[in-house]
Amino acid sequence: MDERESILSENLEEYFDGANQAIKNKKYNTATTLFFKAICSATDLLIFKKEGIVPSSHNHRFRIIQDKYIEIYKILDRDFPFYQESYTKKMNKEAAEVLMEDARRIKEMAKG
């Protein structure tokens, strides 16, 4: 396994596990943030495996996904506002669970 792939995979697991722990502790802002980071890590892993590159920013990631992986783009586009709102609003369990399911889905796509 390439070192970049290994790092992306390890980061994905760390964010996903941390988010699950946060949701168990009813820390929904933390869970939301970490699930979105897991989504981004899973997306980057998928891009790396299929395209051979690691996106350099959110904008770069969004452009690649929008051009080549529309199903994932729709998820990112829907979930990004939750991540942004987690800085200024109190997130709830339902929002965290939406991101949890999306993170799980993209994680399976990236690992599979």
PDB file of N, CA and C in Angstrom:
ATOM      1  N   MET A   1       0.841  -1.181   0.000  1.00  0.00           N
ATOM      2  CA  MET A   1       0.000   0.000   0.000  1.00  0.00           C
ATOM      3  C   MET A   1       0.888   1.247   0.000  1.00  0.00           C
ATOM      4  N   ASP A   2       0.576   2.172  -0.857  1.00  0.00           N
ATOM      5  CA  ASP A   2       1.282   3.450  -0.947  1.00  0.00           C
ATOM      6  C   ASP A   2       1.153   4.200   0.390  1.00  0.00           C
ATOM      7  N   GLU A   3       2.186   4.953   0.773  1.00  0.00           N
ATOM      8  CA  GLU A   3       2.166   5.681   2.050  1.00  0.00           C
ATOM      9  C   GLU A   3       1.007   6.672   2.109  1.00  0.00           C
ATOM     10  N   ARG A   4       0.734   7.358   0.998  1.00  0.00           N
ATOM     11  CA  ARG A   4      -0.384   8.318   0.985  1.00  0.00           C
ATOM     12  C   ARG A   4      -1.709   7.608   1.204  1.00  0.00           C
ATOM     13  N   GLU A   5      -1.876   6.462   0.586  1.00  0.00           N
ATOM     14  CA  GLU A   5      -3.106   5.684   0.769  1.00  0.00           C
ATOM     15  C   GLU A   5      -3.230   5.231   2.216  1.00  0.00           C
ATOM     16  N   SER A   6      -2.132   4.808   2.798  1.00  0.00           N
ATOM     17  CA  SER A   6      -2.127   4.371   4.187  1.00  0.00           C
ATOM     18  C   SER A   6      -2.513   5.515   5.125  1.00  0.00           C
ATOM     19  N   ILE A   7      -1.948   6.697   4.896  1.00  0.00           N
ATOM     20  CA  ILE A   7      -2.261   7.859   5.740  1.00  0.00           C
ATOM     21  C   ILE A   7      -3.733   8.249   5.593  1.00  0.00           C
ATOM     22  N   LEU A   8      -4.227   8.293   4.369  1.00  0.00           N
ATOM     23  CA  LEU A   8      -5.635   8.637   4.148  1.00  0.00           C
ATOM     24  C   LEU A   8      -6.551   7.633   4.842  1.00  0.00           C
ATOM     25  N   SER A   9      -6.219   6.362   4.735  1.00  0.00           N
ATOM     26  CA  SER A   9      -7.017   5.311   5.357  1.00  0.00           C
ATOM     27  C   SER A   9      -6.986   5.418   6.887  1.00  0.00           C
ATOM     28  N   GLU A  10      -5.808   5.662   7.436  1.00  0.00           N
ATOM     29  CA  GLU A  10      -5.688   5.811   8.894  1.00  0.00           C
ATOM     30  C   GLU A  10      -6.435   7.047   9.382  1.00  0.00           C
ATOM     31  N   ASN A  11      -6.326   8.157   8.662  1.00  0.00           N
ATOM     32  CA  ASN A  11      -7.053   9.369   9.050  1.00  0.00           C
ATOM     33  C   ASN A  11      -8.555   9.129   8.996  1.00  0.00           C
ATOM     34  N   LEU A  12      -9.007   8.467   7.951  1.00  0.00           N
ATOM     35  CA  LEU A  12     -10.423   8.139   7.817  1.00  0.00           C
ATOM     36  C   LEU A  12     -10.908   7.371   9.037  1.00  0.00           C
ATOM     37  N   GLU A  13     -10.193   6.339   9.413  1.00  0.00           N
ATOM     38  CA  GLU A  13     -10.599   5.532  10.570  1.00  0.00           C
ATOM     39  C   GLU A  13     -10.571   6.353  11.862  1.00  0.00           C
ATOM     40  N   GLU A  14      -9.547   7.194  12.030  1.00  0.00           N
ATOM     41  CA  GLU A  14      -9.446   8.017  13.234  1.00  0.00           C
ATOM     42  C   GLU A  14     -10.618   8.997  13.335  1.00  0.00           C
ATOM     43  N   TYR A  15     -10.932   9.681  12.243  1.00  0.00           N
ATOM     44  CA  TYR A  15     -12.063  10.620  12.256  1.00  0.00           C
ATOM     45  C   TYR A  15     -13.382   9.891  12.496  1.00  0.00           C
ATOM     46  N   PHE A  16     -13.563   8.766  11.798  1.00  0.00           N
ATOM     47  CA  PHE A  16     -14.811   8.013  11.914  1.00  0.00           C
ATOM     48  C   PHE A  16     -14.988   7.479  13.336  1.00  0.00           C
ATOM     49  N   ASP A  17     -13.937   6.901  13.894  1.00  0.00           N
ATOM     50  CA  ASP A  17     -14.012   6.375  15.267  1.00  0.00           C
ATOM     51  C   ASP A  17     -14.243   7.500  16.276  1.00  0.00           C
ATOM     52  N   GLY A  18     -13.542   8.620  16.099  1.00  0.00           N
ATOM     53  CA  GLY A  18     -13.720   9.755  16.994  1.00  0.00           C
ATOM     54  C   GLY A  18     -15.123  10.320  16.932  1.00  0.00           C
ATOM     55  N   ALA A  19     -15.686  10.381  15.734  1.00  0.00           N
ATOM     56  CA  ALA A  19     -17.054  10.866  15.566  1.00  0.00           C
ATOM     57  C   ALA A  19     -18.053   9.929  16.237  1.00  0.00           C
ATOM     58  N   ASN A  20     -17.850   8.633  16.090  1.00  0.00           N
ATOM     59  CA  ASN A  20     -18.743   7.672  16.748  1.00  0.00           C
ATOM     60  C   ASN A  20     -18.676   7.808  18.266  1.00  0.00           C
ATOM     61  N   GLN A  21     -17.472   8.019  18.779  1.00  0.00           N
ATOM     62  CA  GLN A  21     -17.328   8.221  20.222  1.00  0.00           C
ATOM     63  C   GLN A  21     -18.030   9.517  20.654  1.00  0.00           C
ATOM     64  N   ALA A  22     -17.884  10.563  19.866  1.00  0.00           N
ATOM     65  CA  ALA A  22     -18.518  11.851  20.182  1.00  0.00           C
ATOM     66  C   ALA A  22     -20.041  11.725  20.184  1.00  0.00           C
ATOM     67  N   ILE A  23     -20.585  11.000  19.218  1.00  0.00           N
ATOM     68  CA  ILE A  23     -22.045  10.853  19.160  1.00  0.00           C
ATOM     69  C   ILE A  23     -22.545  10.067  20.374  1.00  0.00           C
ATOM     70  N   LYS A  24     -21.778   9.078  20.808  1.00  0.00           N
ATOM     71  CA  LYS A  24     -22.149   8.319  22.017  1.00  0.00           C
ATOM     72  C   LYS A  24     -22.159   9.221  23.242  1.00  0.00           C
ATOM     73  N   ASN A  25     -21.253  10.217  23.248  1.00  0.00           N
ATOM     74  CA  ASN A  25     -21.157  11.150  24.371  1.00  0.00           C
ATOM     75  C   ASN A  25     -22.041  12.389  24.197  1.00  0.00           C
ATOM     76  N   LYS A  26     -22.906  12.353  23.182  1.00  0.00           N
ATOM     77  CA  LYS A  26     -23.840  13.451  22.896  1.00  0.00           C
ATOM     78  C   LYS A  26     -23.120  14.769  22.610  1.00  0.00           C
ATOM     79  N   LYS A  27     -21.956  14.670  22.017  1.00  0.00           N
ATOM     80  CA  LYS A  27     -21.172  15.839  21.582  1.00  0.00           C
ATOM     81  C   LYS A  27     -21.422  15.979  20.075  1.00  0.00           C
ATOM     82  N   TYR A  28     -22.571  16.530  19.728  1.00  0.00           N
ATOM     83  CA  TYR A  28     -23.014  16.506  18.336  1.00  0.00           C
ATOM     84  C   TYR A  28     -22.241  17.454  17.423  1.00  0.00           C
ATOM     85  N   ASN A  29     -21.756  18.575  17.933  1.00  0.00           N
ATOM     86  CA  ASN A  29     -20.922  19.451  17.101  1.00  0.00           C
ATOM     87  C   ASN A  29     -19.618  18.742  16.747  1.00  0.00           C
ATOM     88  N   THR A  30     -19.005  18.111  17.726  1.00  0.00           N
ATOM     89  CA  THR A  30     -17.771  17.368  17.484  1.00  0.00           C
ATOM     90  C   THR A  30     -18.036  16.217  16.517  1.00  0.00           C
ATOM     91  N   ALA A  31     -19.122  15.500  16.729  1.00  0.00           N
ATOM     92  CA  ALA A  31     -19.468  14.380  15.843  1.00  0.00           C
ATOM     93  C   ALA A  31     -19.672  14.870  14.413  1.00  0.00           C
ATOM     94  N   THR A  32     -20.398  15.973  14.260  1.00  0.00           N
ATOM     95  CA  THR A  32     -20.655  16.523  12.928  1.00  0.00           C
ATOM     96  C   THR A  32     -19.354  16.878  12.233  1.00  0.00           C
ATOM     97  N   THR A  33     -18.476  17.578  12.942  1.00  0.00           N
ATOM     98  CA  THR A  33     -17.192  17.978  12.372  1.00  0.00           C
ATOM     99  C   THR A  33     -16.361  16.764  11.981  1.00  0.00           C
ATOM    100  N   LEU A  34     -16.281  15.790  12.874  1.00  0.00           N
ATOM    101  CA  LEU A  34     -15.450  14.614  12.592  1.00  0.00           C
ATOM    102  C   LEU A  34     -16.050  13.715  11.513  1.00  0.00           C
ATOM    103  N   PHE A  35     -17.375  13.599  11.474  1.00  0.00           N
ATOM    104  CA  PHE A  35     -17.973  12.815  10.388  1.00  0.00           C
ATOM    105  C   PHE A  35     -17.719  13.494   9.043  1.00  0.00           C
ATOM    106  N   PHE A  36     -17.771  14.835   9.006  1.00  0.00           N
ATOM    107  CA  PHE A  36     -17.483  15.504   7.741  1.00  0.00           C
ATOM    108  C   PHE A  36     -16.015  15.309   7.354  1.00  0.00           C
ATOM    109  N   LYS A  37     -15.121  15.351   8.325  1.00  0.00           N
ATOM    110  CA  LYS A  37     -13.710  15.077   8.037  1.00  0.00           C
ATOM    111  C   LYS A  37     -13.541  13.644   7.538  1.00  0.00           C
ATOM    112  N   ALA A  38     -14.296  12.715   8.099  1.00  0.00           N
ATOM    113  CA  ALA A  38     -14.256  11.328   7.621  1.00  0.00           C
ATOM    114  C   ALA A  38     -14.753  11.249   6.180  1.00  0.00           C
ATOM    115  N   ILE A  39     -15.811  11.995   5.878  1.00  0.00           N
ATOM    116  CA  ILE A  39     -16.330  12.036   4.507  1.00  0.00           C
ATOM    117  C   ILE A  39     -15.248  12.550   3.557  1.00  0.00           C
ATOM    118  N   CYS A  40     -14.580  13.620   3.947  1.00  0.00           N
ATOM    119  CA  CYS A  40     -13.520  14.182   3.099  1.00  0.00           C
ATOM    120  C   CYS A  40     -12.352  13.217   2.955  1.00  0.00           C
ATOM    121  N   SER A  41     -11.964  12.564   4.041  1.00  0.00           N
ATOM    122  CA  SER A  41     -10.872  11.590   3.965  1.00  0.00           C
ATOM    123  C   SER A  41     -11.247  10.416   3.073  1.00  0.00           C
ATOM    124  N   ALA A  42     -12.481   9.938   3.197  1.00  0.00           N
ATOM    125  CA  ALA A  42     -12.938   8.831   2.352  1.00  0.00           C
ATOM    126  C   ALA A  42     -12.971   9.261   0.889  1.00  0.00           C
ATOM    127  N   THR A  43     -13.420  10.478   0.654  1.00  0.00           N
ATOM    128  CA  THR A  43     -13.454  11.006  -0.705  1.00  0.00           C
ATOM    129  C   THR A  43     -12.041  11.121  -1.264  1.00  0.00           C
ATOM    130  N   ASP A  44     -11.127  11.643  -0.457  1.00  0.00           N
ATOM    131  CA  ASP A  44      -9.737  11.757  -0.901  1.00  0.00           C
ATOM    132  C   ASP A  44      -9.127  10.384  -1.177  1.00  0.00           C
ATOM    133  N   LEU A  45      -9.454   9.413  -0.345  1.00  0.00           N
ATOM    134  CA  LEU A  45      -8.961   8.056  -0.554  1.00  0.00           C
ATOM    135  C   LEU A  45      -9.484   7.495  -1.875  1.00  0.00           C
ATOM    136  N   LEU A  46     -10.759   7.690  -2.125  1.00  0.00           N
ATOM    137  CA  LEU A  46     -11.352   7.220  -3.371  1.00  0.00           C
ATOM    138  C   LEU A  46     -10.696   7.911  -4.570  1.00  0.00           C
ATOM    139  N   ILE A  47     -10.513   9.229  -4.482  1.00  0.00           N
ATOM    140  CA  ILE A  47      -9.867   9.974  -5.568  1.00  0.00           C
ATOM    141  C   ILE A  47      -8.440   9.463  -5.778  1.00  0.00           C
ATOM    142  N   PHE A  48      -7.726   9.251  -4.688  1.00  0.00           N
ATOM    143  CA  PHE A  48      -6.358   8.758  -4.815  1.00  0.00           C
ATOM    144  C   PHE A  48      -6.325   7.396  -5.509  1.00  0.00           C
ATOM    145  N   LYS A  49      -7.203   6.498  -5.090  1.00  0.00           N
ATOM    146  CA  LYS A  49      -7.215   5.155  -5.682  1.00  0.00           C
ATOM    147  C   LYS A  49      -7.586   5.189  -7.164  1.00  0.00           C
ATOM    148  N   LYS A  50      -8.502   6.078  -7.538  1.00  0.00           N
ATOM    149  CA  LYS A  50      -8.987   6.097  -8.920  1.00  0.00           C
ATOM    150  C   LYS A  50      -8.219   7.054  -9.826  1.00  0.00           C
ATOM    151  N   GLU A  51      -7.719   8.155  -9.255  1.00  0.00           N
ATOM    152  CA  GLU A  51      -7.089   9.191 -10.070  1.00  0.00           C
ATOM    153  C   GLU A  51      -5.583   9.318  -9.835  1.00  0.00           C
ATOM    154  N   GLY A  52      -5.101   8.749  -8.712  1.00  0.00           N
ATOM    155  CA  GLY A  52      -3.676   8.816  -8.420  1.00  0.00           C
ATOM    156  C   GLY A  52      -3.206  10.136  -7.829  1.00  0.00           C
ATOM    157  N   ILE A  53      -4.147  10.974  -7.380  1.00  0.00           N
ATOM    158  CA  ILE A  53      -3.794  12.256  -6.759  1.00  0.00           C
ATOM    159  C   ILE A  53      -4.563  12.438  -5.461  1.00  0.00           C
ATOM    160  N   VAL A  54      -4.021  13.296  -4.583  1.00  0.00           N
ATOM    161  CA  VAL A  54      -4.710  13.686  -3.361  1.00  0.00           C
ATOM    162  C   VAL A  54      -5.094  15.151  -3.535  1.00  0.00           C
ATOM    163  N   PRO A  55      -6.377  15.486  -3.442  1.00  0.00           N
ATOM    164  CA  PRO A  55      -6.788  16.879  -3.601  1.00  0.00           C
ATOM    165  C   PRO A  55      -6.065  17.793  -2.608  1.00  0.00           C
ATOM    166  N   SER A  56      -5.739  18.998  -3.075  1.00  0.00           N
ATOM    167  CA  SER A  56      -4.965  19.940  -2.259  1.00  0.00           C
ATOM    168  C   SER A  56      -5.832  20.846  -1.390  1.00  0.00           C
ATOM    169  N   SER A  57      -7.157  20.848  -1.612  1.00  0.00           N
ATOM    170  CA  SER A  57      -8.050  21.723  -0.853  1.00  0.00           C
ATOM    171  C   SER A  57      -9.491  21.243  -1.001  1.00  0.00           C
ATOM    172  N   HIS A  58     -10.395  21.875  -0.225  1.00  0.00           N
ATOM    173  CA  HIS A  58     -11.821  21.563  -0.380  1.00  0.00           C
ATOM    174  C   HIS A  58     -12.263  21.875  -1.811  1.00  0.00           C
ATOM    175  N   ASN A  59     -11.835  23.013  -2.343  1.00  0.00           N
ATOM    176  CA  ASN A  59     -12.235  23.396  -3.700  1.00  0.00           C
ATOM    177  C   ASN A  59     -11.758  22.383  -4.735  1.00  0.00           C
ATOM    178  N   HIS A  60     -10.514  21.947  -4.612  1.00  0.00           N
ATOM    179  CA  HIS A  60      -9.965  20.959  -5.547  1.00  0.00           C
ATOM    180  C   HIS A  60     -10.763  19.658  -5.457  1.00  0.00           C
ATOM    181  N   ARG A  61     -11.040  19.216  -4.223  1.00  0.00           N
ATOM    182  CA  ARG A  61     -11.821  17.998  -4.013  1.00  0.00           C
ATOM    183  C   ARG A  61     -13.198  18.129  -4.661  1.00  0.00           C
ATOM    184  N   PHE A  62     -13.878  19.258  -4.384  1.00  0.00           N
ATOM    185  CA  PHE A  62     -15.221  19.461  -4.922  1.00  0.00           C
ATOM    186  C   PHE A  62     -15.213  19.459  -6.452  1.00  0.00           C
ATOM    187  N   ARG A  63     -14.206  20.081  -7.068  1.00  0.00           N
ATOM    188  CA  ARG A  63     -14.137  20.123  -8.541  1.00  0.00           C
ATOM    189  C   ARG A  63     -13.985  18.718  -9.119  1.00  0.00           C
ATOM    190  N   ILE A  64     -13.090  17.936  -8.552  1.00  0.00           N
ATOM    191  CA  ILE A  64     -12.878  16.567  -9.038  1.00  0.00           C
ATOM    192  C   ILE A  64     -14.149  15.744  -8.877  1.00  0.00           C
ATOM    193  N   ILE A  65     -14.740  15.820  -7.699  1.00  0.00           N
ATOM    194  CA  ILE A  65     -15.949  15.037  -7.419  1.00  0.00           C
ATOM    195  C   ILE A  65     -17.099  15.483  -8.319  1.00  0.00           C
ATOM    196  N   GLN A  66     -17.249  16.791  -8.493  1.00  0.00           N
ATOM    197  CA  GLN A  66     -18.335  17.300  -9.334  1.00  0.00           C
ATOM    198  C   GLN A  66     -18.176  16.842 -10.778  1.00  0.00           C
ATOM    199  N   ASP A  67     -16.942  16.803 -11.259  1.00  0.00           N
ATOM    200  CA  ASP A  67     -16.682  16.406 -12.643  1.00  0.00           C
ATOM    201  C   ASP A  67     -16.792  14.906 -12.883  1.00  0.00           C
ATOM    202  N   LYS A  68     -16.397  14.091 -11.886  1.00  0.00           N
ATOM    203  CA  LYS A  68     -16.252  12.660 -12.155  1.00  0.00           C
ATOM    204  C   LYS A  68     -17.112  11.734 -11.296  1.00  0.00           C
ATOM    205  N   TYR A  69     -17.564  12.200 -10.142  1.00  0.00           N
ATOM    206  CA  TYR A  69     -18.280  11.315  -9.205  1.00  0.00           C
ATOM    207  C   TYR A  69     -19.507  12.043  -8.668  1.00  0.00           C
ATOM    208  N   ILE A  70     -20.496  12.223  -9.521  1.00  0.00           N
ATOM    209  CA  ILE A  70     -21.641  13.071  -9.212  1.00  0.00           C
ATOM    210  C   ILE A  70     -22.430  12.586  -7.992  1.00  0.00           C
ATOM    211  N   GLU A  71     -22.514  11.281  -7.796  1.00  0.00           N
ATOM    212  CA  GLU A  71     -23.242  10.744  -6.634  1.00  0.00           C
ATOM    213  C   GLU A  71     -22.591  11.214  -5.332  1.00  0.00           C
ATOM    214  N   ILE A  72     -21.274  11.179  -5.274  1.00  0.00           N
ATOM    215  CA  ILE A  72     -20.556  11.643  -4.085  1.00  0.00           C
ATOM    216  C   ILE A  72     -20.655  13.161  -3.975  1.00  0.00           C
ATOM    217  N   TYR A  73     -20.595  13.843  -5.115  1.00  0.00           N
ATOM    218  CA  TYR A  73     -20.717  15.307  -5.090  1.00  0.00           C
ATOM    219  C   TYR A  73     -22.033  15.730  -4.443  1.00  0.00           C
ATOM    220  N   LYS A  74     -23.111  15.060  -4.784  1.00  0.00           N
ATOM    221  CA  LYS A  74     -24.416  15.410  -4.211  1.00  0.00           C
ATOM    222  C   LYS A  74     -24.399  15.265  -2.690  1.00  0.00           C
ATOM    223  N   ILE A  75     -23.720  14.256  -2.188  1.00  0.00           N
ATOM    224  CA  ILE A  75     -23.603  14.053  -0.730  1.00  0.00           C
ATOM    225  C   ILE A  75     -22.780  15.182  -0.114  1.00  0.00           C
ATOM    226  N   LEU A  76     -21.622  15.466  -0.695  1.00  0.00           N
ATOM    227  CA  LEU A  76     -20.769  16.536  -0.166  1.00  0.00           C
ATOM    228  C   LEU A  76     -21.480  17.886  -0.198  1.00  0.00           C
ATOM    229  N   ASP A  77     -22.167  18.155  -1.286  1.00  0.00           N
ATOM    230  CA  ASP A  77     -22.869  19.420  -1.436  1.00  0.00           C
ATOM    231  C   ASP A  77     -23.968  19.568  -0.387  1.00  0.00           C
ATOM    232  N   ARG A  78     -24.645  18.479  -0.085  1.00  0.00           N
ATOM    233  CA  ARG A  78     -25.704  18.506   0.927  1.00  0.00           C
ATOM    234  C   ARG A  78     -25.127  18.612   2.339  1.00  0.00           C
ATOM    235  N   ASP A  79     -23.985  17.953   2.586  1.00  0.00           N
ATOM    236  CA  ASP A  79     -23.439  17.874   3.943  1.00  0.00           C
ATOM    237  C   ASP A  79     -22.546  19.044   4.340  1.00  0.00           C
ATOM    238  N   PHE A  80     -21.949  19.727   3.374  1.00  0.00           N
ATOM    239  CA  PHE A  80     -21.014  20.798   3.702  1.00  0.00           C
ATOM    240  C   PHE A  80     -21.646  21.882   4.591  1.00  0.00           C
ATOM    241  N   PRO A  81     -22.895  22.284   4.354  1.00  0.00           N
ATOM    242  CA  PRO A  81     -23.493  23.281   5.258  1.00  0.00           C
ATOM    243  C   PRO A  81     -23.577  22.819   6.716  1.00  0.00           C
ATOM    244  N   PHE A  82     -23.793  21.543   6.961  1.00  0.00           N
ATOM    245  CA  PHE A  82     -23.789  21.037   8.345  1.00  0.00           C
ATOM    246  C   PHE A  82     -22.435  21.311   8.992  1.00  0.00           C
ATOM    247  N   TYR A  83     -21.383  21.025   8.244  1.00  0.00           N
ATOM    248  CA  TYR A  83     -20.027  21.248   8.740  1.00  0.00           C
ATOM    249  C   TYR A  83     -19.808  22.729   9.032  1.00  0.00           C
ATOM    250  N   GLN A  84     -20.213  23.581   8.107  1.00  0.00           N
ATOM    251  CA  GLN A  84     -20.055  25.025   8.307  1.00  0.00           C
ATOM    252  C   GLN A  84     -20.856  25.505   9.519  1.00  0.00           C
ATOM    253  N   GLU A  85     -22.068  25.022   9.660  1.00  0.00           N
ATOM    254  CA  GLU A  85     -22.928  25.444  10.769  1.00  0.00           C
ATOM    255  C   GLU A  85     -22.423  24.954  12.118  1.00  0.00           C
ATOM    256  N   SER A  86     -21.628  23.895  12.115  1.00  0.00           N
ATOM    257  CA  SER A  86     -21.139  23.351  13.380  1.00  0.00           C
ATOM    258  C   SER A  86     -20.228  24.331  14.113  1.00  0.00           C
ATOM    259  N   TYR A  87     -19.752  25.359  13.411  1.00  0.00           N
ATOM    260  CA  TYR A  87     -18.916  26.373  14.053  1.00  0.00           C
ATOM    261  C   TYR A  87     -19.745  27.406  14.813  1.00  0.00           C
ATOM    262  N   THR A  88     -20.974  27.648  14.363  1.00  0.00           N
ATOM    263  CA  THR A  88     -21.756  28.757  14.921  1.00  0.00           C
ATOM    264  C   THR A  88     -23.092  28.359  15.521  1.00  0.00           C
ATOM    265  N   LYS A  89     -23.475  27.096  15.379  1.00  0.00           N
ATOM    266  CA  LYS A  89     -24.763  26.623  15.893  1.00  0.00           C
ATOM    267  C   LYS A  89     -24.560  25.345  16.698  1.00  0.00           C
ATOM    268  N   LYS A  90     -25.536  25.027  17.509  1.00  0.00           N
ATOM    269  CA  LYS A  90     -25.528  23.753  18.213  1.00  0.00           C
ATOM    270  C   LYS A  90     -26.147  22.708  17.292  1.00  0.00           C
ATOM    271  N   MET A  91     -25.390  21.693  16.996  1.00  0.00           N
ATOM    272  CA  MET A  91     -25.870  20.622  16.129  1.00  0.00           C
ATOM    273  C   MET A  91     -26.652  19.616  16.976  1.00  0.00           C
ATOM    274  N   ASN A  92     -27.544  18.900  16.311  1.00  0.00           N
ATOM    275  CA  ASN A  92     -28.346  17.916  17.029  1.00  0.00           C
ATOM    276  C   ASN A  92     -27.995  16.505  16.565  1.00  0.00           C
ATOM    277  N   LYS A  93     -28.571  15.554  17.255  1.00  0.00           N
ATOM    278  CA  LYS A  93     -28.290  14.145  16.971  1.00  0.00           C
ATOM    279  C   LYS A  93     -28.663  13.779  15.532  1.00  0.00           C
ATOM    280  N   GLU A  94     -29.775  14.306  15.047  1.00  0.00           N
ATOM    281  CA  GLU A  94     -30.236  13.972  13.702  1.00  0.00           C
ATOM    282  C   GLU A  94     -29.229  14.411  12.641  1.00  0.00           C
ATOM    283  N   ALA A  95     -28.688  15.614  12.786  1.00  0.00           N
ATOM    284  CA  ALA A  95     -27.687  16.100  11.819  1.00  0.00           C
ATOM    285  C   ALA A  95     -26.443  15.216  11.861  1.00  0.00           C
ATOM    286  N   ALA A  96     -26.003  14.889  13.069  1.00  0.00           N
ATOM    287  CA  ALA A  96     -24.823  14.030  13.212  1.00  0.00           C
ATOM    288  C   ALA A  96     -25.068  12.659  12.588  1.00  0.00           C
ATOM    289  N   GLU A  97     -26.276  12.134  12.747  1.00  0.00           N
ATOM    290  CA  GLU A  97     -26.590  10.814  12.190  1.00  0.00           C
ATOM    291  C   GLU A  97     -26.638  10.825  10.665  1.00  0.00           C
ATOM    292  N   VAL A  98     -27.092  11.943  10.070  1.00  0.00           N
ATOM    293  CA  VAL A  98     -27.078  12.066   8.607  1.00  0.00           C
ATOM    294  C   VAL A  98     -25.638  11.969   8.112  1.00  0.00           C
ATOM    295  N   LEU A  99     -24.748  12.715   8.749  1.00  0.00           N
ATOM    296  CA  LEU A  99     -23.349  12.674   8.342  1.00  0.00           C
ATOM    297  C   LEU A  99     -22.727  11.309   8.618  1.00  0.00           C
ATOM    298  N   MET A 100     -23.135  10.668   9.710  1.00  0.00           N
ATOM    299  CA  MET A 100     -22.623   9.340  10.026  1.00  0.00           C
ATOM    300  C   MET A 100     -22.964   8.359   8.897  1.00  0.00           C
ATOM    301  N   GLU A 101     -24.195   8.382   8.441  1.00  0.00           N
ATOM    302  CA  GLU A 101     -24.600   7.469   7.365  1.00  0.00           C
ATOM    303  C   GLU A 101     -23.873   7.784   6.065  1.00  0.00           C
ATOM    304  N   ASP A 102     -23.721   9.067   5.774  1.00  0.00           N
ATOM    305  CA  ASP A 102     -23.014   9.447   4.559  1.00  0.00           C
ATOM    306  C   ASP A 102     -21.538   9.075   4.639  1.00  0.00           C
ATOM    307  N   ALA A 103     -20.936   9.267   5.808  1.00  0.00           N
ATOM    308  CA  ALA A 103     -19.534   8.875   5.992  1.00  0.00           C
ATOM    309  C   ALA A 103     -19.378   7.370   5.806  1.00  0.00           C
ATOM    310  N   ARG A 104     -20.285   6.615   6.371  1.00  0.00           N
ATOM    311  CA  ARG A 104     -20.239   5.149   6.236  1.00  0.00           C
ATOM    312  C   ARG A 104     -20.360   4.746   4.761  1.00  0.00           C
ATOM    313  N   ARG A 105     -21.259   5.393   4.057  1.00  0.00           N
ATOM    314  CA  ARG A 105     -21.505   5.059   2.638  1.00  0.00           C
ATOM    315  C   ARG A 105     -20.275   5.345   1.777  1.00  0.00           C
ATOM    316  N   ILE A 106     -19.679   6.546   1.948  1.00  0.00           N
ATOM    317  CA  ILE A 106     -18.515   6.896   1.131  1.00  0.00           C
ATOM    318  C   ILE A 106     -17.298   6.074   1.559  1.00  0.00           C
ATOM    319  N   LYS A 107     -17.207   5.770   2.845  1.00  0.00           N
ATOM    320  CA  LYS A 107     -16.120   4.918   3.351  1.00  0.00           C
ATOM    321  C   LYS A 107     -16.172   3.557   2.659  1.00  0.00           C
ATOM    322  N   GLU A 108     -17.366   2.975   2.536  1.00  0.00           N
ATOM    323  CA  GLU A 108     -17.505   1.683   1.868  1.00  0.00           C
ATOM    324  C   GLU A 108     -17.119   1.788   0.396  1.00  0.00           C
ATOM    325  N   MET A 109     -17.487   2.896  -0.241  1.00  0.00           N
ATOM    326  CA  MET A 109     -17.136   3.100  -1.654  1.00  0.00           C
ATOM    327  C   MET A 109     -15.619   3.201  -1.808  1.00  0.00           C
ATOM    328  N   ALA A 110     -14.971   3.898  -0.890  1.00  0.00           N
ATOM    329  CA  ALA A 110     -13.525   4.102  -0.963  1.00  0.00           C
ATOM    330  C   ALA A 110     -12.754   2.831  -0.652  1.00  0.00           C
ATOM    331  N   LYS A 111     -13.235   2.063   0.305  1.00  0.00           N
ATOM    332  CA  LYS A 111     -12.537   0.846   0.712  1.00  0.00           C
ATOM    333  C   LYS A 111     -12.790  -0.301  -0.248  1.00  0.00           C
ATOM    334  N   GLY A 112     -13.968  -0.284  -0.893  1.00  0.00           N
ATOM    335  CA  GLY A 112     -14.371  -1.376  -1.758  1.00  0.00           C
ATOM    336  C   GLY A 112     -13.707  -1.364  -3.047  1.00  0.00           C
TER     337      GLY A 112
END
